[in-house]
Amino acid sequence: MSEEEVFKMDEEIVKEKPKRQKKELSEERKAQLREQLKKGRETALKNRQKKALLKKIDNEEKEKAQDEKIAKSILKKDTKDEEIENLKNELALLKKGSQNHSNEKINKMNENMVLMGKVVDSLVADNNSYKKRKEEKRKKKEEEEKAKQEAKAKEEVKEPEPKPAPVQKKVFSKQNRFNQTFGYGY
């Protein structure tokens, strides 16, 4: 058998396979499938919205926890946080039992909460400015130390001082000796 015969046989086998034809769907079946697709899309949308809402809530809770942790580490004063929580609890109790308490008390509590928030914000701002000043002082000290070290390094590498020239004896001529003896000039 030659190669051409083998290839021809393979082509005949492939051609013999009948192609499957799709059945035509009836209008009732098409309508039923469309209805199922519509319901599926609706439920999928609801599920996606639920998951997105849950994710959003989880992210908010994480952010709140992180904010609380940051505030505690910055302020290092748990008493303020406890006071804020106590005020929130009292406010919640007042809202529940608003029939027994007047609205003035609730408004006063709200104002206290706002003031506490402002105090916390100002403390955070003061703390940040204190940290910045401290950092600037530290940098300034480092620069001064570097300058001192450079000055010491320059002093240590002084150029050698030139040696003075050897002193030569003065040679006097006859005229010089005469002037010195009798006090003329020199």
Protein backbone atom coordinates (compact mmCIF):
# COMPACT_ATOMS: atom_id res chain seq x y z
CA MET A 1 0.00 0.00 0.00
CA SER A 2 1.27 3.36 -0.84
CA GLU A 3 0.88 6.47 1.22
CA GLU A 4 -1.68 7.92 -1.14
CA GLU A 5 -3.99 4.94 -0.70
CA VAL A 6 -3.79 5.19 3.10
CA PHE A 7 -4.70 8.89 3.02
CA LYS A 8 -7.57 8.22 0.64
CA MET A 9 -8.94 5.57 2.96
CA ASP A 10 -8.76 7.96 5.94
CA GLU A 11 -10.59 10.63 3.96
CA GLU A 12 -13.32 8.15 3.05
CA ILE A 13 -13.80 7.18 6.69
CA VAL A 14 -14.09 10.81 7.72
CA LYS A 15 -16.57 11.54 4.96
CA GLU A 16 -18.78 8.58 5.86
CA LYS A 17 -19.58 9.98 9.30
CA PRO A 18 -23.03 11.57 9.14
CA LYS A 19 -23.42 15.03 10.61
CA ARG A 20 -25.96 15.41 13.33
CA GLN A 21 -28.55 18.03 12.67
CA LYS A 22 -30.19 20.07 15.39
CA LYS A 23 -33.86 19.75 15.94
CA GLU A 24 -35.92 22.83 15.44
CA LEU A 25 -37.28 24.08 18.73
CA SER A 26 -40.96 24.72 18.99
CA GLU A 27 -42.20 28.17 19.98
CA GLU A 28 -43.46 26.80 23.30
CA ARG A 29 -40.03 25.37 24.17
CA LYS A 30 -38.31 28.63 23.14
CA ALA A 31 -40.66 30.61 25.37
CA GLN A 32 -40.06 28.19 28.24
CA LEU A 33 -36.25 28.50 27.84
CA ARG A 34 -36.47 32.31 27.69
CA GLU A 35 -38.52 32.31 30.90
CA GLN A 36 -35.98 30.07 32.65
CA LEU A 37 -33.13 32.30 31.47
CA LYS A 38 -34.95 35.38 32.75
CA LYS A 39 -35.49 33.78 36.19
CA GLY A 40 -31.86 32.64 36.33
CA ARG A 41 -30.58 36.11 35.55
CA GLU A 42 -32.81 37.63 38.24
CA THR A 43 -31.63 35.20 40.92
CA ALA A 44 -28.00 35.64 39.88
CA LEU A 45 -28.40 39.42 40.16
CA LYS A 46 -29.92 39.09 43.64
CA ASN A 47 -27.09 36.79 44.74
CA ARG A 48 -24.44 39.18 43.40
CA GLN A 49 -26.08 42.12 45.18
CA LYS A 50 -26.21 40.14 48.45
CA LYS A 51 -22.55 39.22 48.21
CA ALA A 52 -21.59 42.81 47.39
CA LEU A 53 -23.54 44.08 50.40
CA LEU A 54 -21.90 41.52 52.69
CA LYS A 55 -18.48 42.47 51.36
CA LYS A 56 -19.20 46.15 51.94
CA ILE A 57 -20.29 45.50 55.52
CA ASP A 58 -17.20 43.40 56.20
CA ASN A 59 -14.94 46.12 54.78
CA GLU A 60 -16.62 48.78 56.94
CA GLU A 61 -16.16 46.63 60.06
CA LYS A 62 -12.49 46.09 59.21
CA GLU A 63 -11.98 49.82 58.67
CA LYS A 64 -13.65 50.64 61.99
CA ALA A 65 -11.44 48.14 63.79
CA GLN A 66 -8.34 49.60 62.11
CA ASP A 67 -9.40 53.16 62.96
CA GLU A 68 -9.93 52.22 66.61
CA LYS A 69 -6.54 50.54 66.74
CA ILE A 70 -4.87 53.61 65.21
CA ALA A 71 -6.65 55.97 67.60
CA LYS A 72 -5.61 53.89 70.61
CA SER A 73 -1.99 53.70 69.50
CA ILE A 74 -1.82 57.43 68.76
CA LEU A 75 -3.57 58.64 71.88
CA LYS A 76 -2.55 55.82 74.21
CA LYS A 77 -5.42 56.91 76.40
CA ASP A 78 -8.09 54.27 76.85
CA THR A 79 -10.03 56.54 79.21
CA LYS A 80 -11.17 58.77 76.34
CA ASP A 81 -12.32 55.76 74.36
CA GLU A 82 -14.16 54.40 77.37
CA GLU A 83 -15.85 57.75 77.92
CA ILE A 84 -16.93 57.86 74.30
CA GLU A 85 -18.33 54.32 74.53
CA ASN A 86 -20.16 55.21 77.77
CA LEU A 87 -21.66 58.28 76.14
CA LYS A 88 -22.75 56.21 73.15
CA ASN A 89 -24.37 53.64 75.44
CA GLU A 90 -26.17 56.35 77.39
CA LEU A 91 -27.35 57.90 74.15
CA ALA A 92 -28.69 54.53 72.99
CA LEU A 93 -30.51 54.07 76.30
CA LEU A 94 -31.94 57.56 76.03
CA LYS A 95 -33.21 56.87 72.54
CA LYS A 96 -34.91 53.69 73.74
CA GLY A 97 -36.49 55.33 76.72
CA SER A 98 -37.14 58.71 75.11
CA GLN A 99 -40.58 58.87 76.74
CA ASN A 100 -39.02 59.24 80.20
CA HIS A 101 -36.32 61.74 79.19
CA SER A 102 -36.63 65.06 77.46
CA ASN A 103 -35.18 65.87 74.06
CA GLU A 104 -32.93 68.47 75.69
CA LYS A 105 -30.97 65.76 77.44
CA ILE A 106 -30.51 63.89 74.17
CA ASN A 107 -29.37 67.06 72.42
CA LYS A 108 -26.94 67.74 75.25
CA MET A 109 -25.54 64.23 74.92
CA ASN A 110 -25.16 64.72 71.17
CA GLU A 111 -23.30 67.97 71.77
CA ASN A 112 -21.04 66.23 74.27
CA MET A 113 -20.32 63.53 71.70
CA VAL A 114 -19.47 66.15 69.08
CA LEU A 115 -17.19 67.94 71.56
CA MET A 116 -15.47 64.67 72.44
CA GLY A 117 -14.92 64.00 68.76
CA LYS A 118 -13.39 67.45 68.33
CA VAL A 119 -11.15 66.89 71.35
CA VAL A 120 -9.98 63.58 69.93
CA ASP A 121 -9.32 65.19 66.54
CA SER A 122 -7.34 68.02 68.15
CA LEU A 123 -5.33 65.52 70.22
CA VAL A 124 -4.54 63.55 67.09
CA ALA A 125 -3.49 66.74 65.29
CA ASP A 126 -1.33 67.81 68.27
CA ASN A 127 0.25 64.39 68.38
CA ASN A 128 1.02 64.52 64.65
CA SER A 129 2.57 67.98 64.93
CA TYR A 130 4.60 66.84 67.96
CA LYS A 131 5.88 63.86 65.97
CA LYS A 132 6.82 66.15 63.07
CA ARG A 133 8.72 68.53 65.37
CA LYS A 134 10.48 65.63 67.03
CA GLU A 135 11.44 64.21 63.64
CA GLU A 136 12.77 67.60 62.50
CA LYS A 137 14.88 67.93 65.68
CA ARG A 138 16.27 64.46 65.16
CA LYS A 139 17.19 65.26 61.55
CA LYS A 140 18.80 68.52 62.63
CA LYS A 141 20.91 66.71 65.25
CA GLU A 142 21.96 64.13 62.68
CA GLU A 143 23.03 66.89 60.28
CA GLU A 144 25.00 68.63 63.04
CA GLU A 145 26.72 65.37 63.96
CA LYS A 146 27.59 64.78 60.33
CA ALA A 147 29.02 68.30 60.09
CA LYS A 148 31.11 67.74 63.24
CA GLN A 149 32.38 64.43 61.90
CA GLU A 150 33.34 66.04 58.61
CA ALA A 151 35.12 68.86 60.45
CA LYS A 152 37.04 66.32 62.56
CA ALA A 153 37.96 64.41 59.43
CA LYS A 154 39.27 67.61 57.84
CA GLU A 155 41.27 68.46 60.97
CA GLU A 156 42.78 65.00 61.07
CA VAL A 157 43.94 65.37 57.48
CA LYS A 158 45.87 68.61 58.03
CA GLU A 159 48.49 69.53 55.55
CA PRO A 160 52.00 69.32 57.01
CA GLU A 161 53.35 72.72 58.00
CA PRO A 162 56.36 73.82 56.00
CA LYS A 163 59.66 73.69 57.89
CA PRO A 164 61.32 77.04 58.44
CA ALA A 165 64.34 77.74 56.33
CA PRO A 166 67.64 77.26 58.12
CA VAL A 167 68.99 80.46 59.66
CA GLN A 168 72.03 81.78 57.89
CA LYS A 169 74.69 83.65 59.68
CA LYS A 170 74.95 87.27 58.81
CA VAL A 171 78.17 88.18 57.20
CA PHE A 172 79.22 91.69 57.95
CA SER A 173 81.43 93.69 55.72
CA LYS A 174 84.06 96.11 57.02
CA GLN A 175 81.67 99.00 56.59
CA ASN A 176 78.94 97.26 58.61
CA ARG A 177 81.30 96.51 61.48
CA PHE A 178 82.50 100.13 61.52
CA ASN A 179 78.93 101.46 61.62
CA GLN A 180 78.00 99.10 64.45
CA THR A 181 80.98 100.06 66.58
CA PHE A 182 80.48 103.78 66.32
CA GLY A 183 76.66 103.68 66.37
CA TYR A 184 75.87 104.87 62.93
CA GLY A 185 72.54 103.64 61.73
CA TYR A 186 72.25 100.07 62.79
